């Protein structure tokens, strides 16, 4: 009887000891887990502080834009010239431009080149190529960078134009070829002029930007230009230059920002 009681007491002691060890192990695991959680939380806070510091150095609210641009432009002006047929002649051009853009939320700079042809309302064939560079400012953001659905802007720039005149309206050419023609392939080359212009414009831009750092900006603008220098390849065209030059453009710029 005594031996059996001792065995029972021993068995109960093993069970109690096992339960004690199990509870102690569980307590250690919980404590360790709490320590790990505290350590992870501490690491997370440090990483967050680092990310915040990086964002302060490179704020997303002030990205840099780089991309290309396509536009369609309609020019109108009157010619000043010593040639009777060109003097005070209203001229209209329609052409396309291609170029590049770079900037930030406050300003944008673009450079482009384009090819233009006089339209059917002009009695003589005139071809024009031009290159320009301009800087635009989003004036609603000058005090504080705040985004709007449509952003108005103002721009100023420089333009170089080269005009090619074709036809039969000069006396020397009329004597050689009296047949009138408005086709650029048939009409003889009369001369070329070049002009340096200062241009200013007002426009609006609708800005679309994606989370993967791509942008598409649609714009429309009206502009005014005046010539500051002119030249020609032929004496007859000396003094021939555009006056009261106005333009209307629509286009799209696209690219990436960081």
C-alpha atoms as a PDB file:
ATOM      1  CA  UNK A   1       0.000   0.000   0.000  1.00  0.00           C
ATOM      2  CA  UNK A   2       2.778   2.364   0.932  1.00  0.00           C
ATOM      3  CA  UNK A   3       4.674   1.572  -2.260  1.00  0.00           C
ATOM      4  CA  UNK A   4       1.547   2.188  -4.373  1.00  0.00           C
ATOM      5  CA  UNK A   5       0.957   5.498  -2.626  1.00  0.00           C
ATOM      6  CA  UNK A   6       4.535   6.500  -3.265  1.00  0.00           C
ATOM      7  CA  UNK A   7       4.150   5.618  -6.944  1.00  0.00           C
ATOM      8  CA  UNK A   8       0.954   7.659  -7.173  1.00  0.00           C
ATOM      9  CA  UNK A   9       2.573  10.616  -5.471  1.00  0.00           C
ATOM     10  CA  UNK A  10       5.565  10.328  -7.780  1.00  0.00           C
ATOM     11  CA  UNK A  11       3.296  10.236 -10.849  1.00  0.00           C
ATOM     12  CA  UNK A  12       1.403  13.282  -9.606  1.00  0.00           C
ATOM     13  CA  UNK A  13       4.711  15.060  -9.016  1.00  0.00           C
ATOM     14  CA  UNK A  14       5.823  14.346 -12.603  1.00  0.00           C
ATOM     15  CA  UNK A  15       2.548  15.718 -13.933  1.00  0.00           C
ATOM     16  CA  UNK A  16       2.806  18.841 -11.781  1.00  0.00           C
ATOM     17  CA  UNK A  17       6.458  19.353 -12.774  1.00  0.00           C
ATOM     18  CA  UNK A  18       5.602  18.866 -16.455  1.00  0.00           C
ATOM     19  CA  UNK A  19       2.778  21.414 -16.237  1.00  0.00           C
ATOM     20  CA  UNK A  20       5.085  23.847 -14.471  1.00  0.00           C
ATOM     21  CA  UNK A  21       7.771  23.439 -17.148  1.00  0.00           C
ATOM     22  CA  UNK A  22       5.180  23.816 -19.928  1.00  0.00           C
ATOM     23  CA  UNK A  23       3.747  26.970 -18.389  1.00  0.00           C
ATOM     24  CA  UNK A  24       7.229  28.373 -17.815  1.00  0.00           C
ATOM     25  CA  UNK A  25       8.190  27.637 -21.455  1.00  0.00           C
ATOM     26  CA  UNK A  26       5.013  29.293 -22.708  1.00  0.00           C
ATOM     27  CA  UNK A  27       5.716  32.307 -20.537  1.00  0.00           C
ATOM     28  CA  UNK A  28       9.230  32.520 -21.988  1.00  0.00           C
ATOM     29  CA  UNK A  29       7.865  32.263 -25.544  1.00  0.00           C
ATOM     30  CA  UNK A  30       5.337  35.036 -24.890  1.00  0.00           C
ATOM     31  CA  UNK A  31       8.034  37.204 -23.347  1.00  0.00           C
ATOM     32  CA  UNK A  32      10.378  36.562 -26.268  1.00  0.00           C
ATOM     33  CA  UNK A  33       7.603  37.277 -28.743  1.00  0.00           C
ATOM     34  CA  UNK A  34       6.848  40.535 -26.964  1.00  0.00           C
ATOM     35  CA  UNK A  35      10.526  41.402 -27.136  1.00  0.00           C
ATOM     36  CA  UNK A  36      10.606  40.596 -30.868  1.00  0.00           C
ATOM     37  CA  UNK A  37       7.484  42.701 -31.455  1.00  0.00           C
ATOM     38  CA  UNK A  38       9.046  45.592 -29.557  1.00  0.00           C
ATOM     39  CA  UNK A  39      12.247  45.247 -31.549  1.00  0.00           C
ATOM     40  CA  UNK A  40      10.345  45.097 -34.868  1.00  0.00           C
ATOM     41  CA  UNK A  41       8.338  48.119 -33.864  1.00  0.00           C
ATOM     42  CA  UNK A  42      11.528  49.986 -33.032  1.00  0.00           C
ATOM     43  CA  UNK A  43      13.056  49.059 -36.420  1.00  0.00           C
ATOM     44  CA  UNK A  44       9.858  50.079 -38.219  1.00  0.00           C
ATOM     45  CA  UNK A  45       9.893  53.463 -36.507  1.00  0.00           C
ATOM     46  CA  UNK A  46      13.523  54.020 -37.513  1.00  0.00           C
ATOM     47  CA  UNK A  47      12.779  53.075 -41.125  1.00  0.00           C
ATOM     48  CA  UNK A  48       9.791  55.413 -41.158  1.00  0.00           C
ATOM     49  CA  UNK A  49      11.915  58.272 -39.817  1.00  0.00           C
ATOM     50  CA  UNK A  50      14.484  57.551 -42.568  1.00  0.00           C
ATOM     51  CA  UNK A  51      11.780  57.515 -45.254  1.00  0.00           C
ATOM     52  CA  UNK A  52      10.365  60.778 -43.963  1.00  0.00           C
ATOM     53  CA  UNK A  53      13.809  62.369 -44.078  1.00  0.00           C
ATOM     54  CA  UNK A  54      14.267  61.182 -47.675  1.00  0.00           C
ATOM     55  CA  UNK A  55      10.877  62.590 -48.624  1.00  0.00           C
ATOM     56  CA  UNK A  56      11.890  65.912 -47.114  1.00  0.00           C
ATOM     57  CA  UNK A  57      15.067  65.923 -49.198  1.00  0.00           C
ATOM     58  CA  UNK A  58      13.182  64.883 -52.386  1.00  0.00           C
ATOM     59  CA  UNK A  59       9.565  65.989 -51.871  1.00  0.00           C
ATOM     60  CA  UNK A  60       7.073  64.444 -54.275  1.00  0.00           C
ATOM     61  CA  UNK A  61       5.214  67.732 -54.479  1.00  0.00           C
ATOM     62  CA  UNK A  62       8.111  69.177 -56.508  1.00  0.00           C
ATOM     63  CA  UNK A  63       8.884  66.612 -59.239  1.00  0.00           C
ATOM     64  CA  UNK A  64      11.057  67.141 -62.314  1.00  0.00           C
ATOM     65  CA  UNK A  65       9.439  66.646 -65.743  1.00  0.00           C
ATOM     66  CA  UNK A  66      11.277  65.454 -68.864  1.00  0.00           C
ATOM     67  CA  UNK A  67       9.621  64.492 -72.145  1.00  0.00           C
ATOM     68  CA  UNK A  68       8.587  65.405 -75.678  1.00  0.00           C
ATOM     69  CA  UNK A  69       5.968  67.599 -77.312  1.00  0.00           C
ATOM     70  CA  UNK A  70       3.802  67.627 -80.440  1.00  0.00           C
ATOM     71  CA  UNK A  71       1.702  70.612 -81.487  1.00  0.00           C
ATOM     72  CA  UNK A  72      -0.306  72.132 -84.321  1.00  0.00           C
ATOM     73  CA  UNK A  73       0.001  75.896 -84.858  1.00  0.00           C
ATOM     74  CA  UNK A  74      -1.838  78.427 -86.999  1.00  0.00           C
ATOM     75  CA  UNK A  75       0.018  81.693 -87.740  1.00  0.00           C
ATOM     76  CA  UNK A  76      -1.437  84.930 -89.081  1.00  0.00           C
ATOM     77  CA  UNK A  77       0.327  88.181 -89.913  1.00  0.00           C
ATOM     78  CA  UNK A  78       0.726  90.957 -92.482  1.00  0.00           C
ATOM     79  CA  UNK A  79       3.839  91.381 -94.596  1.00  0.00           C
ATOM     80  CA  UNK A  80       5.805  94.612 -94.697  1.00  0.00           C
ATOM     81  CA  UNK A  81       7.689  94.777 -97.995  1.00  0.00           C
ATOM     82  CA  UNK A  82       8.918  97.025-100.786  1.00  0.00           C
ATOM     83  CA  UNK A  83       7.507  94.514-103.286  1.00  0.00           C
ATOM     84  CA  UNK A  84       4.038  95.675-104.318  1.00  0.00           C
ATOM     85  CA  UNK A  85       2.514  92.205-104.424  1.00  0.00           C
ATOM     86  CA  UNK A  86       3.687  91.481-100.864  1.00  0.00           C
ATOM     87  CA  UNK A  87       3.152  94.856 -99.211  1.00  0.00           C
ATOM     88  CA  UNK A  88       0.439  94.586 -96.530  1.00  0.00           C
ATOM     89  CA  UNK A  89      -0.393  91.073 -97.767  1.00  0.00           C
ATOM     90  CA  UNK A  90      -2.300  89.022 -95.143  1.00  0.00           C
ATOM     91  CA  UNK A  91      -0.548  85.674 -94.674  1.00  0.00           C
ATOM     92  CA  UNK A  92      -1.763  82.503 -92.938  1.00  0.00           C
ATOM     93  CA  UNK A  93       0.267  79.408 -92.148  1.00  0.00           C
ATOM     94  CA  UNK A  94      -0.589  76.018 -90.750  1.00  0.00           C
ATOM     95  CA  UNK A  95       2.102  73.653 -89.517  1.00  0.00           C
ATOM     96  CA  UNK A  96       3.265  71.099 -86.991  1.00  0.00           C
ATOM     97  CA  UNK A  97       5.993  71.268 -84.349  1.00  0.00           C
ATOM     98  CA  UNK A  98       8.003  68.613 -82.570  1.00  0.00           C
ATOM     99  CA  UNK A  99      10.354  69.141 -79.648  1.00  0.00           C
ATOM    100  CA  UNK A 100      11.272  68.453 -76.055  1.00  0.00           C
ATOM    101  CA  UNK A 101      10.190  69.764 -72.641  1.00  0.00           C
ATOM    102  CA  UNK A 102      11.663  69.821 -69.158  1.00  0.00           C
ATOM    103  CA  UNK A 103      10.639  71.591 -65.973  1.00  0.00           C
ATOM    104  CA  UNK A 104       8.903  71.388 -62.588  1.00  0.00           C
ATOM    105  CA  UNK A 105       5.469  72.309 -61.158  1.00  0.00           C
ATOM    106  CA  UNK A 106       6.222  76.049 -61.333  1.00  0.00           C
ATOM    107  CA  UNK A 107       7.862  76.445 -64.736  1.00  0.00           C
ATOM    108  CA  UNK A 108       8.478  74.521 -67.939  1.00  0.00           C
ATOM    109  CA  UNK A 109      10.994  75.074 -70.730  1.00  0.00           C
ATOM    110  CA  UNK A 110      10.520  73.717 -74.236  1.00  0.00           C
ATOM    111  CA  UNK A 111      12.412  73.759 -77.513  1.00  0.00           C
ATOM    112  CA  UNK A 112      10.836  72.776 -80.819  1.00  0.00           C
ATOM    113  CA  UNK A 113      11.033  73.048 -84.587  1.00  0.00           C
ATOM    114  CA  UNK A 114       8.259  73.131 -87.167  1.00  0.00           C
ATOM    115  CA  UNK A 115       7.396  73.191 -90.863  1.00  0.00           C
ATOM    116  CA  UNK A 116       4.618  75.433 -92.255  1.00  0.00           C
ATOM    117  CA  UNK A 117       2.922  76.144 -95.579  1.00  0.00           C
ATOM    118  CA  UNK A 118       0.805  79.127 -96.573  1.00  0.00           C
ATOM    119  CA  UNK A 119      -2.860  78.187 -96.916  1.00  0.00           C
ATOM    120  CA  UNK A 120      -5.201  78.598 -99.897  1.00  0.00           C
ATOM    121  CA  UNK A 121      -6.132  82.186 -98.960  1.00  0.00           C
ATOM    122  CA  UNK A 122      -2.597  83.373 -99.794  1.00  0.00           C
ATOM    123  CA  UNK A 123      -2.204  84.090-103.557  1.00  0.00           C
ATOM    124  CA  UNK A 124       1.510  83.254-103.555  1.00  0.00           C
ATOM    125  CA  UNK A 125       3.332  80.197-102.253  1.00  0.00           C
ATOM    126  CA  UNK A 126       5.322  80.794 -99.072  1.00  0.00           C
ATOM    127  CA  UNK A 127       7.027  78.058 -97.083  1.00  0.00           C
ATOM    128  CA  UNK A 128       8.273  78.558 -93.552  1.00  0.00           C
ATOM    129  CA  UNK A 129      10.483  76.617 -91.151  1.00  0.00           C
ATOM    130  CA  UNK A 130      11.043  77.747 -87.616  1.00  0.00           C
ATOM    131  CA  UNK A 131      12.822  76.832 -84.394  1.00  0.00           C
ATOM    132  CA  UNK A 132      12.013  78.257 -80.996  1.00  0.00           C
ATOM    133  CA  UNK A 133      12.730  78.048 -77.287  1.00  0.00           C
ATOM    134  CA  UNK A 134      10.430  79.349 -74.567  1.00  0.00           C
ATOM    135  CA  UNK A 135       9.821  79.245 -70.835  1.00  0.00           C
ATOM    136  CA  UNK A 136       6.372  79.006 -69.261  1.00  0.00           C
ATOM    137  CA  UNK A 137       5.354  79.927 -65.708  1.00  0.00           C
ATOM    138  CA  UNK A 138       2.266  78.551 -63.926  1.00  0.00           C
ATOM    139  CA  UNK A 139       1.440  81.805 -62.180  1.00  0.00           C
ATOM    140  CA  UNK A 140      -1.153  80.318 -59.771  1.00  0.00           C
ATOM    141  CA  UNK A 141       1.676  78.293 -58.202  1.00  0.00           C
ATOM    142  CA  UNK A 142       4.186  81.094 -57.683  1.00  0.00           C
ATOM    143  CA  UNK A 143       3.135  81.683 -54.076  1.00  0.00           C
ATOM    144  CA  UNK A 144       2.323  78.069 -53.192  1.00  0.00           C
ATOM    145  CA  UNK A 145       2.509  74.842 -55.207  1.00  0.00           C
ATOM    146  CA  UNK A 146      -1.128  73.786 -55.425  1.00  0.00           C
ATOM    147  CA  UNK A 147      -2.543  71.656 -58.235  1.00  0.00           C
ATOM    148  CA  UNK A 148      -5.669  72.515 -60.202  1.00  0.00           C
ATOM    149  CA  UNK A 149      -7.639  70.643 -62.848  1.00  0.00           C
ATOM    150  CA  UNK A 150      -6.660  73.226 -65.459  1.00  0.00           C
ATOM    151  CA  UNK A 151      -3.461  75.236 -65.008  1.00  0.00           C
ATOM    152  CA  UNK A 152      -3.160  78.659 -66.695  1.00  0.00           C
ATOM    153  CA  UNK A 153       0.311  79.808 -67.682  1.00  0.00           C
ATOM    154  CA  UNK A 154       2.223  82.591 -69.382  1.00  0.00           C
ATOM    155  CA  UNK A 155       5.299  82.135 -71.548  1.00  0.00           C
ATOM    156  CA  UNK A 156       8.000  84.127 -73.268  1.00  0.00           C
ATOM    157  CA  UNK A 157      10.563  82.983 -75.817  1.00  0.00           C
ATOM    158  CA  UNK A 158      12.641  83.470 -78.944  1.00  0.00           C
ATOM    159  CA  UNK A 159      11.845  82.186 -82.440  1.00  0.00           C
ATOM    160  CA  UNK A 160      13.924  81.928 -85.593  1.00  0.00           C
ATOM    161  CA  UNK A 161      11.950  81.794 -88.860  1.00  0.00           C
ATOM    162  CA  UNK A 162      13.068  81.212 -92.427  1.00  0.00           C
ATOM    163  CA  UNK A 163      10.603  81.957 -95.237  1.00  0.00           C
ATOM    164  CA  UNK A 164      10.908  80.773 -98.833  1.00  0.00           C
ATOM    165  CA  UNK A 165       8.987  82.751-101.490  1.00  0.00           C
ATOM    166  CA  UNK A 166       7.908  81.219-104.789  1.00  0.00           C
ATOM    167  CA  UNK A 167       6.005  82.742-107.688  1.00  0.00           C
ATOM    168  CA  UNK A 168       6.248  84.891-110.822  1.00  0.00           C
ATOM    169  CA  UNK A 169       5.449  88.335-109.469  1.00  0.00           C
ATOM    170  CA  UNK A 170       8.902  89.911-109.685  1.00  0.00           C
ATOM    171  CA  UNK A 171       9.519  91.746-112.988  1.00  0.00           C
ATOM    172  CA  UNK A 172      12.725  89.878-113.800  1.00  0.00           C
ATOM    173  CA  UNK A 173      10.996  86.527-113.290  1.00  0.00           C
ATOM    174  CA  UNK A 174       7.860  87.588-115.158  1.00  0.00           C
ATOM    175  CA  UNK A 175       9.988  88.357-118.226  1.00  0.00           C
ATOM    176  CA  UNK A 176      11.596  84.948-118.037  1.00  0.00           C
ATOM    177  CA  UNK A 177       8.441  83.003-117.239  1.00  0.00           C
ATOM    178  CA  UNK A 178       5.126  84.802-117.719  1.00  0.00           C
ATOM    179  CA  UNK A 179       3.081  81.759-116.752  1.00  0.00           C
ATOM    180  CA  UNK A 180       1.510  82.234-113.323  1.00  0.00           C
ATOM    181  CA  UNK A 181       1.463  79.260-110.972  1.00  0.00           C
ATOM    182  CA  UNK A 182       0.714  78.849-107.282  1.00  0.00           C
ATOM    183  CA  UNK A 183       2.139  75.346-107.046  1.00  0.00           C
ATOM    184  CA  UNK A 184       5.359  75.106-105.038  1.00  0.00           C
ATOM    185  CA  UNK A 185       6.608  72.422-107.442  1.00  0.00           C
ATOM    186  CA  UNK A 186       6.115  74.631-110.539  1.00  0.00           C
ATOM    187  CA  UNK A 187       6.581  78.179-109.217  1.00  0.00           C
ATOM    188  CA  UNK A 188      10.207  79.374-109.361  1.00  0.00           C
ATOM    189  CA  UNK A 189      12.143  80.263-106.239  1.00  0.00           C
ATOM    190  CA  UNK A 190      12.265  84.047-105.789  1.00  0.00           C
ATOM    191  CA  UNK A 191      14.162  84.437-102.548  1.00  0.00           C
ATOM    192  CA  UNK A 192      14.359  83.720 -98.828  1.00  0.00           C
ATOM    193  CA  UNK A 193      14.066  85.835 -95.707  1.00  0.00           C
ATOM    194  CA  UNK A 194      14.948  85.067 -92.124  1.00  0.00           C
ATOM    195  CA  UNK A 195      13.643  86.661 -88.957  1.00  0.00           C
ATOM    196  CA  UNK A 196      14.404  86.603 -85.255  1.00  0.00           C
ATOM    197  CA  UNK A 197      11.246  87.088 -83.188  1.00  0.00           C
ATOM    198  CA  UNK A 198      10.367  87.680 -79.562  1.00  0.00           C
ATOM    199  CA  UNK A 199       7.125  85.942 -78.669  1.00  0.00           C
ATOM    200  CA  UNK A 200       4.787  85.929 -75.667  1.00  0.00           C
ATOM    201  CA  UNK A 201       1.788  83.669 -75.048  1.00  0.00           C
ATOM    202  CA  UNK A 202      -1.009  82.848 -72.633  1.00  0.00           C
ATOM    203  CA  UNK A 203      -2.367  79.332 -72.338  1.00  0.00           C
ATOM    204  CA  UNK A 204      -4.098  76.693 -70.275  1.00  0.00           C
ATOM    205  CA  UNK A 205      -2.889  73.164 -69.593  1.00  0.00           C
ATOM    206  CA  UNK A 206      -4.820  70.086 -68.514  1.00  0.00           C
ATOM    207  CA  UNK A 207      -2.420  67.856 -66.594  1.00  0.00           C
ATOM    208  CA  UNK A 208      -2.753  64.068 -66.368  1.00  0.00           C
ATOM    209  CA  UNK A 209      -0.241  62.175 -64.218  1.00  0.00           C
ATOM    210  CA  UNK A 210      -0.099  58.469 -63.335  1.00  0.00           C
ATOM    211  CA  UNK A 211       1.230  56.716 -60.187  1.00  0.00           C
ATOM    212  CA  UNK A 212       4.019  55.106 -62.240  1.00  0.00           C
ATOM    213  CA  UNK A 213       5.580  58.557 -62.914  1.00  0.00           C
ATOM    214  CA  UNK A 214       4.234  59.200 -66.420  1.00  0.00           C
ATOM    215  CA  UNK A 215       2.588  62.461 -67.465  1.00  0.00           C
ATOM    216  CA  UNK A 216       0.449  63.753 -70.333  1.00  0.00           C
ATOM    217  CA  UNK A 217      -0.238  67.496 -70.465  1.00  0.00           C
ATOM    218  CA  UNK A 218      -2.756  68.836 -73.002  1.00  0.00           C
ATOM    219  CA  UNK A 219      -2.508  72.535 -73.798  1.00  0.00           C
ATOM    220  CA  UNK A 220      -3.942  75.360 -75.877  1.00  0.00           C
ATOM    221  CA  UNK A 221      -2.389  78.821 -76.180  1.00  0.00           C
ATOM    222  CA  UNK A 222      -2.560  82.093 -78.062  1.00  0.00           C
ATOM    223  CA  UNK A 223       0.546  84.111 -78.768  1.00  0.00           C
ATOM    224  CA  UNK A 224       1.857  87.354 -80.204  1.00  0.00           C
ATOM    225  CA  UNK A 225       5.306  87.947 -81.760  1.00  0.00           C
ATOM    226  CA  UNK A 226       7.319  90.807 -83.207  1.00  0.00           C
ATOM    227  CA  UNK A 227      10.475  90.788 -85.294  1.00  0.00           C
ATOM    228  CA  UNK A 228      13.679  92.158 -83.766  1.00  0.00           C
ATOM    229  CA  UNK A 229      15.964  91.344 -86.725  1.00  0.00           C
ATOM    230  CA  UNK A 230      15.493  90.372 -90.364  1.00  0.00           C
ATOM    231  CA  UNK A 231      17.619  89.435 -93.360  1.00  0.00           C
ATOM    232  CA  UNK A 232      17.245  88.185 -96.927  1.00  0.00           C
ATOM    233  CA  UNK A 233      19.136  86.299 -99.618  1.00  0.00           C
ATOM    234  CA  UNK A 234      18.058  88.714-102.385  1.00  0.00           C
ATOM    235  CA  UNK A 235      18.090  92.508-102.586  1.00  0.00           C
ATOM    236  CA  UNK A 236      14.443  92.693-103.699  1.00  0.00           C
ATOM    237  CA  UNK A 237      13.372  91.140-100.367  1.00  0.00           C
ATOM    238  CA  UNK A 238      15.323  93.546 -98.157  1.00  0.00           C
ATOM    239  CA  UNK A 239      12.885  94.957 -95.604  1.00  0.00           C
ATOM    240  CA  UNK A 240      10.348  92.170 -96.106  1.00  0.00           C
ATOM    241  CA  UNK A 241       9.227  91.080 -92.626  1.00  0.00           C
ATOM    242  CA  UNK A 242       6.110  90.009 -90.704  1.00  0.00           C
ATOM    243  CA  UNK A 243       4.057  92.486 -88.653  1.00  0.00           C
ATOM    244  CA  UNK A 244       1.263  91.919 -86.125  1.00  0.00           C
ATOM    245  CA  UNK A 245       2.078  88.231 -85.929  1.00  0.00           C
ATOM    246  CA  UNK A 246      -0.420  86.177 -83.898  1.00  0.00           C
ATOM    247  CA  UNK A 247      -0.661  82.433 -83.366  1.00  0.00           C
ATOM    248  CA  UNK A 248      -2.913  79.764 -81.930  1.00  0.00           C
ATOM    249  CA  UNK A 249      -1.548  76.382 -80.868  1.00  0.00           C
ATOM    250  CA  UNK A 250      -2.897  73.133 -79.498  1.00  0.00           C
ATOM    251  CA  UNK A 251      -0.730  70.229 -78.494  1.00  0.00           C
ATOM    252  CA  UNK A 252       0.377  67.597 -76.035  1.00  0.00           C
ATOM    253  CA  UNK A 253       3.522  67.107 -73.982  1.00  0.00           C
ATOM    254  CA  UNK A 254       4.342  63.712 -72.475  1.00  0.00           C
ATOM    255  CA  UNK A 255       7.116  61.934 -70.640  1.00  0.00           C
ATOM    256  CA  UNK A 256       8.247  60.987 -67.128  1.00  0.00           C
ATOM    257  CA  UNK A 257       8.668  62.808 -63.833  1.00  0.00           C
ATOM    258  CA  UNK A 258      10.638  62.107 -60.663  1.00  0.00           C
END
